[in-house]
Amino acid sequence: MNCFNAAKENSSSQAGRTARPVYIDNVLRVKEYIDSNFTRDINTTDLSKISNLSPSFTRLQFTNILGVSPHEYLVNLRLETA
């Protein structure tokens, strides 16, 4: 299973939990940004600006919703496209 399928499955299976749906749009914006810019340098400040959340909360919500940290997602994406 590649990181795309894992992220999709985790977002679907965890989206029903009460606290998470509020941040799904924020996290999906971050994921889309990573997907479109994975060949560039990406840092937590960039991601927090995209999500309109603090860097630590962006990382926490991304991990809670997609099942991997933004860094893990980025590394997996780069490995799969190499």
N, C-alpha and C. Protein backbone atom coordinates (compact mmCIF):
# COMPACT_ATOMS: atom_id res chain seq x y z
N MET A 1 0.86 -1.18 0.00
CA MET A 1 0.00 0.00 0.00
C MET A 1 0.90 1.24 0.00
N ASN A 2 0.65 2.16 -0.91
CA ASN A 2 1.48 3.34 -0.97
C ASN A 2 0.95 4.42 -0.03
N CYS A 3 1.71 5.52 0.13
CA CYS A 3 1.32 6.56 1.09
C CYS A 3 0.03 7.26 0.68
N PHE A 4 -0.29 7.28 -0.62
CA PHE A 4 -1.53 7.92 -1.06
C PHE A 4 -2.75 7.14 -0.56
N ASN A 5 -2.70 5.82 -0.73
CA ASN A 5 -3.81 4.99 -0.28
C ASN A 5 -3.93 5.00 1.24
N ALA A 6 -2.80 4.95 1.93
CA ALA A 6 -2.83 4.96 3.39
C ALA A 6 -3.42 6.26 3.90
N ALA A 7 -3.03 7.38 3.30
CA ALA A 7 -3.56 8.67 3.72
C ALA A 7 -5.06 8.75 3.46
N LYS A 8 -5.48 8.25 2.31
CA LYS A 8 -6.89 8.28 1.96
C LYS A 8 -7.70 7.41 2.91
N GLU A 9 -7.19 6.21 3.21
CA GLU A 9 -7.90 5.32 4.12
C GLU A 9 -7.97 5.90 5.52
N ASN A 10 -6.88 6.46 6.00
CA ASN A 10 -6.87 7.04 7.34
C ASN A 10 -7.80 8.23 7.42
N SER A 11 -7.83 9.07 6.41
CA SER A 11 -8.71 10.23 6.45
C SER A 11 -10.17 9.79 6.43
N SER A 12 -10.47 8.72 5.69
CA SER A 12 -11.84 8.22 5.64
C SER A 12 -12.24 7.56 6.95
N SER A 13 -11.35 6.75 7.52
CA SER A 13 -11.70 6.01 8.71
C SER A 13 -11.70 6.88 9.95
N GLN A 14 -10.90 7.92 9.98
CA GLN A 14 -10.81 8.75 11.16
C GLN A 14 -11.64 10.02 11.06
N ALA A 15 -12.18 10.31 9.91
CA ALA A 15 -12.92 11.55 9.71
C ALA A 15 -14.18 11.62 10.56
N GLY A 16 -14.73 10.49 10.97
CA GLY A 16 -15.95 10.48 11.73
C GLY A 16 -15.79 10.84 13.19
N ARG A 17 -14.59 10.93 13.68
CA ARG A 17 -14.37 11.28 15.07
C ARG A 17 -14.73 12.73 15.31
N THR A 18 -15.16 13.05 16.49
CA THR A 18 -15.79 14.34 16.75
C THR A 18 -14.88 15.55 16.59
N ALA A 19 -13.67 15.56 17.12
CA ALA A 19 -12.84 16.76 17.10
C ALA A 19 -12.15 16.99 15.76
N ARG A 20 -12.04 15.98 14.94
CA ARG A 20 -11.21 16.09 13.74
C ARG A 20 -11.86 16.76 12.54
N PRO A 21 -13.16 16.60 12.30
CA PRO A 21 -13.71 17.17 11.07
C PRO A 21 -13.50 18.67 10.92
N VAL A 22 -13.37 19.37 12.00
CA VAL A 22 -13.16 20.81 11.94
C VAL A 22 -11.89 21.15 11.17
N TYR A 23 -10.88 20.30 11.28
CA TYR A 23 -9.58 20.60 10.70
C TYR A 23 -9.30 19.84 9.40
N ILE A 24 -10.24 19.07 8.92
CA ILE A 24 -9.99 18.28 7.71
C ILE A 24 -9.65 19.18 6.52
N ASP A 25 -10.38 20.27 6.33
CA ASP A 25 -10.09 21.16 5.22
C ASP A 25 -8.69 21.75 5.34
N ASN A 26 -8.28 22.10 6.56
CA ASN A 26 -6.94 22.65 6.77
C ASN A 26 -5.89 21.62 6.39
N VAL A 27 -6.09 20.39 6.84
CA VAL A 27 -5.13 19.32 6.57
C VAL A 27 -5.11 18.98 5.09
N LEU A 28 -6.26 18.95 4.45
CA LEU A 28 -6.28 18.64 3.01
C LEU A 28 -5.58 19.73 2.20
N ARG A 29 -5.68 20.99 2.62
CA ARG A 29 -4.93 22.05 1.95
C ARG A 29 -3.43 21.81 2.07
N VAL A 30 -2.99 21.39 3.26
CA VAL A 30 -1.57 21.09 3.48
C VAL A 30 -1.15 19.91 2.61
N LYS A 31 -1.97 18.86 2.58
CA LYS A 31 -1.64 17.69 1.76
C LYS A 31 -1.55 18.06 0.28
N GLU A 32 -2.49 18.85 -0.20
CA GLU A 32 -2.46 19.28 -1.59
C GLU A 32 -1.22 20.12 -1.88
N TYR A 33 -0.84 20.97 -0.93
CA TYR A 33 0.37 21.77 -1.10
C TYR A 33 1.60 20.86 -1.20
N ILE A 34 1.69 19.88 -0.31
CA ILE A 34 2.82 18.95 -0.34
C ILE A 34 2.81 18.19 -1.67
N ASP A 35 1.65 17.71 -2.09
CA ASP A 35 1.55 16.97 -3.35
C ASP A 35 2.02 17.80 -4.54
N SER A 36 1.74 19.08 -4.52
CA SER A 36 2.10 19.96 -5.64
C SER A 36 3.52 20.50 -5.57
N ASN A 37 4.12 20.47 -4.38
CA ASN A 37 5.42 21.11 -4.19
C ASN A 37 6.46 20.19 -3.57
N PHE A 38 6.29 18.87 -3.68
CA PHE A 38 7.18 17.94 -2.99
C PHE A 38 8.62 18.01 -3.46
N THR A 39 8.87 18.59 -4.63
CA THR A 39 10.24 18.69 -5.12
C THR A 39 10.96 19.91 -4.54
N ARG A 40 10.24 20.76 -3.88
CA ARG A 40 10.82 21.97 -3.27
C ARG A 40 11.09 21.74 -1.79
N ASP A 41 11.83 22.67 -1.19
CA ASP A 41 12.01 22.65 0.25
C ASP A 41 10.70 23.08 0.90
N ILE A 42 10.22 22.28 1.82
CA ILE A 42 8.97 22.57 2.53
C ILE A 42 9.28 22.51 4.02
N ASN A 43 8.86 23.53 4.75
CA ASN A 43 9.08 23.52 6.19
C ASN A 43 7.77 23.71 6.94
N THR A 44 7.83 23.55 8.24
CA THR A 44 6.60 23.63 9.05
C THR A 44 5.99 25.02 9.03
N THR A 45 6.80 26.04 8.86
CA THR A 45 6.25 27.40 8.78
C THR A 45 5.39 27.54 7.53
N ASP A 46 5.86 27.02 6.41
CA ASP A 46 5.06 27.04 5.18
C ASP A 46 3.73 26.33 5.39
N LEU A 47 3.80 25.16 5.99
CA LEU A 47 2.59 24.36 6.18
C LEU A 47 1.62 25.02 7.14
N SER A 48 2.14 25.67 8.16
CA SER A 48 1.25 26.33 9.12
C SER A 48 0.56 27.54 8.48
N LYS A 49 1.24 28.21 7.58
CA LYS A 49 0.61 29.33 6.88
C LYS A 49 -0.52 28.83 5.99
N ILE A 50 -0.32 27.69 5.37
CA ILE A 50 -1.33 27.12 4.49
C ILE A 50 -2.55 26.65 5.28
N SER A 51 -2.29 26.08 6.45
CA SER A 51 -3.39 25.53 7.25
C SER A 51 -4.05 26.57 8.16
N ASN A 52 -3.41 27.71 8.32
CA ASN A 52 -3.89 28.74 9.26
C ASN A 52 -3.93 28.23 10.69
N LEU A 53 -3.02 27.33 11.01
CA LEU A 53 -2.87 26.78 12.35
C LEU A 53 -1.41 26.92 12.77
N SER A 54 -1.12 26.77 14.04
CA SER A 54 0.27 26.83 14.49
C SER A 54 1.04 25.64 13.91
N PRO A 55 2.36 25.75 13.83
CA PRO A 55 3.14 24.63 13.29
C PRO A 55 2.90 23.32 14.03
N SER A 56 2.89 23.37 15.36
CA SER A 56 2.72 22.12 16.12
C SER A 56 1.30 21.56 15.96
N PHE A 57 0.30 22.44 15.90
CA PHE A 57 -1.07 21.97 15.75
C PHE A 57 -1.31 21.46 14.34
N THR A 58 -0.68 22.07 13.36
CA THR A 58 -0.76 21.57 11.98
C THR A 58 -0.22 20.15 11.92
N ARG A 59 0.96 19.95 12.51
CA ARG A 59 1.57 18.62 12.52
C ARG A 59 0.68 17.61 13.25
N LEU A 60 0.15 18.01 14.39
CA LEU A 60 -0.71 17.13 15.17
C LEU A 60 -1.97 16.73 14.40
N GLN A 61 -2.64 17.70 13.80
CA GLN A 61 -3.88 17.41 13.07
C GLN A 61 -3.61 16.61 11.80
N PHE A 62 -2.54 16.92 11.11
CA PHE A 62 -2.16 16.16 9.92
C PHE A 62 -1.96 14.69 10.30
N THR A 63 -1.22 14.47 11.37
CA THR A 63 -0.94 13.11 11.82
C THR A 63 -2.21 12.41 12.28
N ASN A 64 -3.06 13.11 13.02
CA ASN A 64 -4.31 12.51 13.49
C ASN A 64 -5.23 12.12 12.35
N ILE A 65 -5.31 12.96 11.34
CA ILE A 65 -6.25 12.72 10.24
C ILE A 65 -5.71 11.77 9.19
N LEU A 66 -4.44 11.92 8.83
CA LEU A 66 -3.88 11.10 7.75
C LEU A 66 -3.05 9.92 8.23
N GLY A 67 -2.74 9.87 9.52
CA GLY A 67 -2.03 8.72 10.06
C GLY A 67 -0.53 8.75 9.94
N VAL A 68 0.02 9.77 9.30
CA VAL A 68 1.46 9.98 9.21
C VAL A 68 1.74 11.46 9.39
N SER A 69 2.93 11.79 9.85
CA SER A 69 3.29 13.20 10.01
C SER A 69 3.50 13.83 8.64
N PRO A 70 3.45 15.16 8.55
CA PRO A 70 3.73 15.80 7.26
C PRO A 70 5.11 15.41 6.71
N HIS A 71 6.09 15.30 7.59
CA HIS A 71 7.43 14.92 7.15
C HIS A 71 7.44 13.50 6.59
N GLU A 72 6.82 12.56 7.30
CA GLU A 72 6.74 11.19 6.81
C GLU A 72 6.01 11.13 5.47
N TYR A 73 4.93 11.87 5.35
CA TYR A 73 4.17 11.90 4.10
C TYR A 73 5.04 12.41 2.96
N LEU A 74 5.77 13.49 3.22
CA LEU A 74 6.65 14.09 2.21
C LEU A 74 7.75 13.13 1.80
N VAL A 75 8.40 12.49 2.76
CA VAL A 75 9.47 11.54 2.46
C VAL A 75 8.93 10.36 1.65
N ASN A 76 7.78 9.83 2.07
CA ASN A 76 7.18 8.70 1.32
C ASN A 76 6.82 9.10 -0.10
N LEU A 77 6.29 10.28 -0.26
CA LEU A 77 5.93 10.79 -1.59
C LEU A 77 7.17 10.92 -2.46
N ARG A 78 8.24 11.45 -1.90
CA ARG A 78 9.48 11.61 -2.66
C ARG A 78 10.06 10.23 -3.04
N LEU A 79 9.99 9.29 -2.12
CA LEU A 79 10.52 7.95 -2.41
C LEU A 79 9.71 7.25 -3.50
N GLU A 80 8.40 7.41 -3.46
CA GLU A 80 7.54 6.75 -4.45
C GLU A 80 7.71 7.34 -5.84
N THR A 81 8.05 8.63 -5.92
CA THR A 81 8.17 9.25 -7.23
C THR A 81 9.61 9.23 -7.75
N ALA A 82 10.53 8.72 -6.94
CA ALA A 82 11.94 8.68 -7.36
C ALA A 82 12.17 7.61 -8.41
